[in-house]
Amino acid sequence: MREFVYERPTTLDAAVAAFAGGGEAALIAGGHTLLPAMNSRLRQPDTLVDLAGVPGLSGITRDGDMLWIGAMTTHATVAADPTVMAAIPGLSALALLIGDPQVRNRGTIGGVLANNDPSADYPAALLALGGTVETNLGSHHADDYFQGMFATALSDGDIITRVGFKIPTASAYAKFRHPASRYAVVGVYVAKTADGVRVAVTGAGPGVVRWPEAEEALTASFTPEAAKGLVLGGDLNTDIHASAEYRGHLSGTMLARAVAAAA
């Protein structure tokens, strides 16, 4: 790890200014991805901008049919917050499946969504719940936010401030975890609303995706039986942990478990 300038701004404007101060800059929230990348020299920023001291970036509120979570809110807080439990219990349960207690007490929802790891959990929830990512420069709907592996609609200078989730009538997340990393080999989030059903899958391919065939089947009958026999297709991952064929079938199994939990 080479030398860098460490900035700890106390306002959002100061964070934006520090990020634009010259050279390569990086924002740090929980640091679970950035710091290992810096240690291995995959990232070598000239300036590291720590968002921990910026007020107003954490907290959870409900506003009508939306649940808003500040970007610097930790996974542990999301998992235990009574407002989340009451509005979207599936989201609370998802947060409890992230990593281990150390990760959950340090990692943040904004950091996960900015990084957009293809096996991360929150992207599936955001996409299935038709959520919104708000930044200092504007907002991005979930359908347009995810743009491939580790790629998002965020531009330079975009700092996530809060994340909004539409409150469903029912939702749940089912995840087959890698035993060491606890990332999703496959994770499926199912959300039922007055407009129908949305299903999002993480871990199976190079990025989070919606599953139209599952949405159609579950809109007709929101039961585990409706998920029987469904196999996710498309560009799926094959690696030392699972083949593409295995991930496709596993997606159907996780789908049925998510529907059973939601129902």
Protein backbone atom coordinates (compact mmCIF):
# COMPACT_ATOMS: atom_id res chain seq x y z
CA MET A 1 0.00 0.00 0.00
CA ARG A 2 1.53 3.32 -1.06
CA GLU A 3 1.14 6.68 0.64
CA PHE A 4 -2.10 8.60 0.25
CA VAL A 5 -3.86 11.63 1.69
CA TYR A 6 -6.55 10.77 4.22
CA GLU A 7 -9.52 13.17 4.37
CA ARG A 8 -12.30 12.98 6.96
CA PRO A 9 -14.80 15.69 5.95
CA THR A 10 -17.62 16.77 8.24
CA THR A 11 -20.05 17.95 5.54
CA LEU A 12 -21.26 16.47 2.27
CA ASP A 13 -19.96 19.50 0.35
CA ALA A 14 -16.53 19.04 1.91
CA ALA A 15 -16.59 15.36 0.90
CA VAL A 16 -17.38 16.31 -2.69
CA ALA A 17 -14.57 18.89 -2.67
CA ALA A 18 -12.08 16.42 -1.21
CA PHE A 19 -12.99 13.82 -3.82
CA ALA A 20 -12.45 16.34 -6.61
CA GLY A 21 -9.23 17.70 -5.12
CA GLY A 22 -6.90 16.15 -7.67
CA GLY A 23 -5.46 12.78 -8.60
CA GLU A 24 -7.29 9.53 -8.10
CA ALA A 25 -9.68 9.64 -5.15
CA ALA A 26 -11.72 6.94 -3.45
CA LEU A 27 -14.63 7.11 -1.03
CA ILE A 28 -14.60 4.79 1.97
CA ALA A 29 -17.61 3.68 3.97
CA GLY A 30 -17.14 0.30 5.69
CA GLY A 31 -13.96 -0.44 3.74
CA HIS A 32 -14.47 -4.18 3.29
CA THR A 33 -13.75 -4.05 -0.44
CA LEU A 34 -11.58 -0.96 -0.80
CA LEU A 35 -8.99 -1.70 1.89
CA PRO A 36 -8.18 -5.24 0.67
CA ALA A 37 -7.94 -3.84 -2.87
CA MET A 38 -5.49 -1.20 -1.65
CA ASN A 39 -3.44 -3.79 0.26
CA SER A 40 -3.12 -5.88 -2.89
CA ARG A 41 -2.41 -2.75 -4.99
CA LEU A 42 -5.48 -3.24 -7.15
CA ARG A 43 -6.50 0.26 -6.05
CA GLN A 44 -3.95 2.98 -5.36
CA PRO A 45 -5.85 6.21 -4.67
CA ASP A 46 -4.02 9.46 -4.06
CA THR A 47 -6.78 10.59 -1.69
CA LEU A 48 -9.00 8.53 0.58
CA VAL A 49 -12.23 10.31 1.59
CA ASP A 50 -13.81 8.83 4.72
CA LEU A 51 -17.58 9.42 4.87
CA ALA A 52 -17.94 8.35 8.53
CA GLY A 53 -17.86 11.94 9.79
CA VAL A 54 -20.51 13.31 7.41
CA PRO A 55 -23.81 13.85 9.27
CA GLY A 56 -27.16 12.90 7.79
CA LEU A 57 -25.98 9.80 5.91
CA SER A 58 -27.39 7.23 8.33
CA GLY A 59 -30.79 6.48 9.78
CA ILE A 60 -34.02 4.77 8.77
CA THR A 61 -37.42 6.37 8.13
CA ARG A 62 -40.73 5.39 6.58
CA ASP A 63 -42.49 7.87 4.30
CA GLY A 64 -45.78 6.62 2.90
CA ASP A 65 -45.11 3.53 0.78
CA MET A 66 -41.33 4.03 0.85
CA LEU A 67 -38.71 2.93 3.36
CA TRP A 68 -35.60 5.14 3.30
CA ILE A 69 -32.23 4.02 4.63
CA GLY A 70 -29.22 6.33 4.89
CA ALA A 71 -26.19 5.25 2.90
CA MET A 72 -23.91 4.89 5.95
CA THR A 73 -26.41 2.75 7.86
CA THR A 74 -24.81 -0.56 8.83
CA HIS A 75 -26.13 -4.00 8.00
CA ALA A 76 -26.54 -4.73 11.71
CA THR A 77 -28.78 -1.69 12.09
CA VAL A 78 -30.93 -2.70 9.11
CA ALA A 79 -31.26 -6.22 10.51
CA ALA A 80 -32.39 -5.06 13.96
CA ASP A 81 -34.36 -1.90 13.20
CA PRO A 82 -38.05 -2.17 14.18
CA THR A 83 -39.16 0.09 11.32
CA VAL A 84 -37.51 -2.22 8.79
CA MET A 85 -38.92 -5.30 10.52
CA ALA A 86 -42.43 -3.87 10.37
CA ALA A 87 -42.30 -2.50 6.82
CA ILE A 88 -40.10 -5.02 4.96
CA PRO A 89 -39.20 -7.99 7.16
CA GLY A 90 -37.58 -9.68 4.16
CA LEU A 91 -35.03 -6.87 4.00
CA SER A 92 -34.26 -7.23 7.69
CA ALA A 93 -33.72 -10.96 7.22
CA LEU A 94 -31.46 -10.32 4.22
CA ALA A 95 -29.23 -7.98 6.23
CA LEU A 96 -28.83 -10.65 8.91
CA LEU A 97 -27.40 -13.04 6.29
CA ILE A 98 -24.59 -10.69 5.24
CA GLY A 99 -21.13 -11.84 6.31
CA ASP A 100 -20.56 -12.26 10.04
CA PRO A 101 -21.16 -9.96 13.05
CA GLN A 102 -17.94 -8.03 12.42
CA VAL A 103 -18.91 -7.35 8.81
CA ARG A 104 -22.49 -6.45 9.71
CA ASN A 105 -21.39 -3.98 12.37
CA ARG A 106 -19.02 -2.14 10.01
CA GLY A 107 -20.36 -2.60 6.47
CA THR A 108 -22.89 -0.14 5.05
CA ILE A 109 -25.75 -0.39 2.58
CA GLY A 110 -24.39 2.50 0.50
CA GLY A 111 -20.97 0.89 0.26
CA VAL A 112 -22.45 -2.37 -0.99
CA LEU A 113 -24.59 -0.67 -3.63
CA ALA A 114 -21.77 1.58 -4.81
CA ASN A 115 -19.46 -1.42 -5.21
CA ASN A 116 -22.11 -3.66 -6.84
CA ASP A 117 -20.36 -6.98 -6.31
CA PRO A 118 -22.15 -9.57 -8.50
CA SER A 119 -22.71 -11.80 -5.45
CA ALA A 120 -23.83 -9.10 -3.00
CA ASP A 121 -27.25 -9.27 -1.35
CA TYR A 122 -28.66 -5.72 -1.30
CA PRO A 123 -28.70 -5.40 -5.13
CA ALA A 124 -31.28 -8.21 -5.29
CA ALA A 125 -33.48 -6.46 -2.74
CA LEU A 126 -33.20 -3.08 -4.43
CA LEU A 127 -34.05 -4.49 -7.84
CA ALA A 128 -36.90 -6.72 -6.65
CA LEU A 129 -38.45 -3.93 -4.57
CA GLY A 130 -38.20 -1.35 -7.36
CA GLY A 131 -36.03 0.88 -5.21
CA THR A 132 -34.20 4.16 -5.73
CA VAL A 133 -30.62 5.22 -5.09
CA GLU A 134 -30.35 8.92 -4.20
CA THR A 135 -27.07 10.81 -4.44
CA ASN A 136 -25.85 14.36 -4.03
CA LEU A 137 -26.34 14.80 -7.78
CA GLY A 138 -29.72 13.16 -8.33
CA SER A 139 -31.39 9.76 -8.18
CA HIS A 140 -31.31 6.44 -10.02
CA HIS A 141 -34.13 3.90 -10.26
CA ALA A 142 -33.05 0.32 -9.58
CA ASP A 143 -33.99 -0.78 -13.11
CA ASP A 144 -31.36 1.61 -14.53
CA TYR A 145 -28.82 1.60 -11.72
CA PHE A 146 -27.07 -1.75 -12.17
CA GLN A 147 -24.97 -1.84 -15.32
CA GLY A 148 -22.88 -5.00 -15.08
CA MET A 149 -20.17 -6.44 -12.88
CA PHE A 150 -19.00 -3.76 -10.41
CA ALA A 151 -20.61 -1.14 -12.69
CA THR A 152 -23.41 1.27 -11.78
CA ALA A 153 -25.03 4.46 -13.03
CA LEU A 154 -22.95 6.49 -10.56
CA SER A 155 -20.66 9.09 -12.10
CA ASP A 156 -17.53 10.69 -10.66
CA GLY A 157 -18.58 12.87 -7.74
CA ASP A 158 -21.78 10.90 -7.11
CA ILE A 159 -22.05 10.11 -3.40
CA ILE A 160 -24.95 7.91 -2.33
CA THR A 161 -26.91 9.67 0.41
CA ARG A 162 -29.85 7.34 0.95
CA VAL A 163 -31.62 4.33 -0.54
CA GLY A 164 -35.39 3.95 -0.93
CA PHE A 165 -37.34 0.69 -1.07
CA LYS A 166 -40.99 0.40 -2.10
CA ILE A 167 -42.88 -1.35 0.68
CA PRO A 168 -44.42 -4.58 -0.70
CA THR A 169 -47.38 -6.59 0.52
CA ALA A 170 -44.99 -9.54 0.94
CA SER A 171 -41.34 -10.24 0.26
CA ALA A 172 -38.50 -12.56 1.24
CA TYR A 173 -34.93 -13.48 0.37
CA ALA A 174 -33.44 -16.96 0.09
CA LYS A 175 -29.69 -17.38 -0.20
CA PHE A 176 -27.34 -20.30 -0.73
CA ARG A 177 -24.19 -19.03 0.96
CA HIS A 178 -20.60 -19.82 0.17
CA PRO A 179 -19.41 -21.38 3.46
CA ALA A 180 -16.26 -19.25 3.69
CA SER A 181 -17.04 -15.85 2.18
CA ARG A 182 -20.79 -16.03 2.92
CA TYR A 183 -21.45 -14.30 -0.37
CA ALA A 184 -24.36 -15.67 -2.40
CA VAL A 185 -23.63 -18.61 -4.66
CA VAL A 186 -27.22 -17.82 -5.60
CA GLY A 187 -29.61 -15.45 -3.84
CA VAL A 188 -33.22 -14.77 -4.86
CA TYR A 189 -35.37 -11.90 -3.61
CA VAL A 190 -39.12 -12.06 -4.26
CA ALA A 191 -41.44 -9.07 -3.80
CA LYS A 192 -45.21 -9.03 -4.23
CA THR A 193 -46.98 -5.71 -4.75
CA ALA A 194 -50.33 -4.49 -6.02
CA ASP A 195 -48.72 -4.21 -9.46
CA GLY A 196 -47.53 -7.80 -9.56
CA VAL A 197 -44.41 -9.72 -8.59
CA ARG A 198 -40.76 -8.81 -9.09
CA VAL A 199 -37.95 -11.34 -8.73
CA ALA A 200 -34.24 -10.55 -8.67
CA VAL A 201 -31.32 -12.98 -8.63
CA THR A 202 -27.79 -12.30 -7.40
CA GLY A 203 -24.69 -14.51 -7.45
CA ALA A 204 -25.77 -16.61 -10.43
CA GLY A 205 -24.26 -14.44 -13.17
CA PRO A 206 -22.01 -11.44 -13.78
CA GLY A 207 -24.55 -9.10 -12.20
CA VAL A 208 -27.92 -8.92 -10.50
CA VAL A 209 -30.84 -9.60 -12.88
CA ARG A 210 -34.60 -9.79 -12.87
CA TRP A 211 -36.22 -13.12 -13.71
CA PRO A 212 -39.23 -12.49 -16.01
CA GLU A 213 -40.36 -16.14 -16.23
CA ALA A 214 -40.52 -16.41 -12.45
CA GLU A 215 -42.36 -13.09 -12.20
CA GLU A 216 -44.99 -14.28 -14.68
CA ALA A 217 -45.49 -17.60 -12.91
CA LEU A 218 -45.75 -16.05 -9.45
CA THR A 219 -48.07 -13.25 -10.58
CA ALA A 220 -50.48 -15.99 -11.65
CA SER A 221 -49.99 -18.00 -8.44
CA PHE A 222 -47.85 -16.77 -5.56
CA THR A 223 -47.02 -20.23 -4.23
CA PRO A 224 -43.88 -22.39 -3.99
CA GLU A 225 -45.58 -24.84 -6.35
CA ALA A 226 -45.62 -22.18 -9.09
CA ALA A 227 -41.83 -22.03 -8.87
CA LYS A 228 -41.45 -25.78 -9.33
CA GLY A 229 -39.41 -26.66 -12.39
CA LEU A 230 -38.26 -23.12 -13.11
CA VAL A 231 -34.59 -22.91 -14.10
CA LEU A 232 -32.76 -19.62 -14.54
CA GLY A 233 -31.18 -19.29 -17.96
CA GLY A 234 -28.88 -16.77 -19.59
CA ASP A 235 -25.24 -15.95 -18.97
CA LEU A 236 -24.49 -17.74 -15.69
CA ASN A 237 -21.20 -18.22 -13.84
CA THR A 238 -19.14 -21.38 -13.86
CA ASP A 239 -16.32 -21.50 -11.32
CA ILE A 240 -14.73 -23.81 -8.74
CA HIS A 241 -17.82 -23.44 -6.53
CA ALA A 242 -20.64 -24.24 -8.95
CA SER A 243 -21.34 -24.75 -12.63
CA ALA A 244 -23.71 -22.60 -14.65
CA GLU A 245 -26.15 -25.52 -14.83
CA TYR A 246 -26.05 -25.96 -11.06
CA ARG A 247 -26.65 -22.26 -10.48
CA GLY A 248 -29.59 -22.29 -12.87
CA HIS A 249 -31.32 -25.10 -10.96
CA LEU A 250 -30.31 -23.67 -7.59
CA SER A 251 -32.03 -20.43 -8.53
CA GLY A 252 -35.32 -22.32 -8.81
CA THR A 253 -34.81 -23.90 -5.40
CA MET A 254 -34.02 -20.54 -3.78
CA LEU A 255 -37.03 -19.03 -5.56
CA ALA A 256 -39.37 -21.59 -4.03
CA ARG A 257 -37.87 -21.04 -0.57
CA ALA A 258 -38.23 -17.27 -0.88
CA VAL A 259 -41.88 -17.57 -1.91
CA ALA A 260 -42.61 -19.95 0.98
CA ALA A 261 -41.01 -17.49 3.41
CA ALA A 262 -42.90 -14.53 1.96
CA ALA A 263 -46.24 -16.35 1.96
